[in-house]
Amino acid sequence: MPRFILRFRGPEPQAAKDVERIRALRQVRVLDDSSPRMLLVEAPEGKVKSLMASMSGWIMTPEQMVPLPDPRPKPRRVRKK
């Protein structure tokens, strides 16, 4: 199931009410709520889009995985003559 980042841009009391509304929905699973203004949810895209249309101040973005470079040093190749 796809994951989305929901970000709130508005007055703080409204965010708390909306978060409770998001949590109450079926098929929507809140994975991370460590920030009061940002949530990571797992849900069908259509469900999240209809939810965002009914609440003002929220922005929906699909989660993106960014590959990190390997920090370990690589051995140099020695050329044979």
C-alpha atoms as a PDB file:
ATOM      1  CA  MET A   1       0.000   0.000   0.000  1.00  0.00           C
ATOM      2  CA  PRO A   2       1.401   3.445  -0.857  1.00  0.00           C
ATOM      3  CA  ARG A   3       2.662   5.847   1.795  1.00  0.00           C
ATOM      4  CA  PHE A   4       2.044   9.588   1.925  1.00  0.00           C
ATOM      5  CA  ILE A   5       3.390  12.499   3.932  1.00  0.00           C
ATOM      6  CA  LEU A   6       0.628  14.814   5.153  1.00  0.00           C
ATOM      7  CA  ARG A   7       1.791  18.298   6.133  1.00  0.00           C
ATOM      8  CA  PHE A   8      -0.387  20.897   7.861  1.00  0.00           C
ATOM      9  CA  ARG A   9      -0.070  24.638   7.240  1.00  0.00           C
ATOM     10  CA  GLY A  10      -2.499  26.455   9.471  1.00  0.00           C
ATOM     11  CA  PRO A  11      -3.416  27.224  13.095  1.00  0.00           C
ATOM     12  CA  GLU A  12      -2.254  24.599  15.628  1.00  0.00           C
ATOM     13  CA  PRO A  13      -5.645  23.769  17.261  1.00  0.00           C
ATOM     14  CA  GLN A  14      -7.085  22.779  13.890  1.00  0.00           C
ATOM     15  CA  ALA A  15      -4.206  20.338  13.266  1.00  0.00           C
ATOM     16  CA  ALA A  16      -5.016  18.319  16.400  1.00  0.00           C
ATOM     17  CA  LYS A  17      -8.679  17.991  15.390  1.00  0.00           C
ATOM     18  CA  ASP A  18      -7.762  16.904  11.872  1.00  0.00           C
ATOM     19  CA  VAL A  19      -5.232  14.334  13.107  1.00  0.00           C
ATOM     20  CA  GLU A  20      -7.939  12.667  15.184  1.00  0.00           C
ATOM     21  CA  ARG A  21     -10.176  12.640  12.112  1.00  0.00           C
ATOM     22  CA  ILE A  22      -7.404  11.032  10.029  1.00  0.00           C
ATOM     23  CA  ARG A  23      -6.790   8.369  12.683  1.00  0.00           C
ATOM     24  CA  ALA A  24     -10.492   7.457  12.772  1.00  0.00           C
ATOM     25  CA  LEU A  25     -10.646   6.548   9.071  1.00  0.00           C
ATOM     26  CA  ARG A  26     -10.624   2.942   7.964  1.00  0.00           C
ATOM     27  CA  GLN A  27      -7.886   1.899   5.544  1.00  0.00           C
ATOM     28  CA  VAL A  28      -5.676   4.756   6.792  1.00  0.00           C
ATOM     29  CA  ARG A  29      -2.808   3.720   9.021  1.00  0.00           C
ATOM     30  CA  VAL A  30      -0.713   6.416  10.725  1.00  0.00           C
ATOM     31  CA  LEU A  31       2.901   5.210  10.701  1.00  0.00           C
ATOM     32  CA  ASP A  32       4.614   8.264  12.209  1.00  0.00           C
ATOM     33  CA  ASP A  33       3.182  11.214  14.098  1.00  0.00           C
ATOM     34  CA  SER A  34       6.305  12.464  15.885  1.00  0.00           C
ATOM     35  CA  SER A  35       5.578  15.994  14.645  1.00  0.00           C
ATOM     36  CA  PRO A  36       2.187  17.581  15.428  1.00  0.00           C
ATOM     37  CA  ARG A  37       2.050  19.154  11.961  1.00  0.00           C
ATOM     38  CA  MET A  38       3.275  16.226   9.848  1.00  0.00           C
ATOM     39  CA  LEU A  39       2.119  12.624   9.483  1.00  0.00           C
ATOM     40  CA  LEU A  40       3.322   9.599   7.580  1.00  0.00           C
ATOM     41  CA  VAL A  41       0.327   7.484   6.568  1.00  0.00           C
ATOM     42  CA  GLU A  42      -0.247   4.295   4.636  1.00  0.00           C
ATOM     43  CA  ALA A  43      -3.500   4.266   2.668  1.00  0.00           C
ATOM     44  CA  PRO A  44      -5.023   3.940  -0.806  1.00  0.00           C
ATOM     45  CA  GLU A  45      -4.292   7.063  -2.856  1.00  0.00           C
ATOM     46  CA  GLY A  46      -7.963   7.797  -3.602  1.00  0.00           C
ATOM     47  CA  LYS A  47      -8.828   7.691   0.091  1.00  0.00           C
ATOM     48  CA  VAL A  48      -6.060  10.180   0.967  1.00  0.00           C
ATOM     49  CA  LYS A  49      -6.981  12.506  -1.911  1.00  0.00           C
ATOM     50  CA  SER A  50     -10.631  12.657  -0.875  1.00  0.00           C
ATOM     51  CA  LEU A  51      -9.568  13.262   2.718  1.00  0.00           C
ATOM     52  CA  MET A  52      -7.292  16.156   1.710  1.00  0.00           C
ATOM     53  CA  ALA A  53     -10.078  17.695  -0.368  1.00  0.00           C
ATOM     54  CA  SER A  54     -12.334  17.796   2.700  1.00  0.00           C
ATOM     55  CA  MET A  55      -9.744  19.406   5.023  1.00  0.00           C
ATOM     56  CA  SER A  56      -8.140  22.794   4.468  1.00  0.00           C
ATOM     57  CA  GLY A  57      -4.517  23.555   5.237  1.00  0.00           C
ATOM     58  CA  TRP A  58      -3.177  20.057   4.512  1.00  0.00           C
ATOM     59  CA  ILE A  59      -0.725  19.103   1.754  1.00  0.00           C
ATOM     60  CA  MET A  60      -0.264  15.533   0.531  1.00  0.00           C
ATOM     61  CA  THR A  61       3.035  14.279  -0.909  1.00  0.00           C
ATOM     62  CA  PRO A  62       3.929  10.700  -1.878  1.00  0.00           C
ATOM     63  CA  GLU A  63       6.758   9.279   0.214  1.00  0.00           C
ATOM     64  CA  GLN A  64      10.027   9.070  -1.708  1.00  0.00           C
ATOM     65  CA  MET A  65      12.903   6.779  -0.861  1.00  0.00           C
ATOM     66  CA  VAL A  66      16.293   8.352  -1.572  1.00  0.00           C
ATOM     67  CA  PRO A  67      19.209   5.916  -1.844  1.00  0.00           C
ATOM     68  CA  LEU A  68      22.141   6.944   0.334  1.00  0.00           C
ATOM     69  CA  PRO A  69      25.722   6.488  -0.809  1.00  0.00           C
ATOM     70  CA  ASP A  70      27.809   3.792   0.855  1.00  0.00           C
ATOM     71  CA  PRO A  71      30.095   5.626   3.343  1.00  0.00           C
ATOM     72  CA  ARG A  72      32.616   2.768   3.574  1.00  0.00           C
ATOM     73  CA  PRO A  73      35.920   3.340   1.773  1.00  0.00           C
ATOM     74  CA  LYS A  74      36.557   1.228  -1.296  1.00  0.00           C
ATOM     75  CA  PRO A  75      39.953  -0.425  -1.861  1.00  0.00           C
ATOM     76  CA  ARG A  76      41.931   0.922  -4.770  1.00  0.00           C
ATOM     77  CA  ARG A  77      42.741  -1.371  -7.635  1.00  0.00           C
ATOM     78  CA  VAL A  78      46.381  -1.948  -8.260  1.00  0.00           C
ATOM     79  CA  ARG A  79      47.282  -2.103 -11.931  1.00  0.00           C
ATOM     80  CA  LYS A  80      49.667  -4.814 -12.971  1.00  0.00           C
ATOM     81  CA  LYS A  81      52.312  -3.951 -15.555  1.00  0.00           C
END
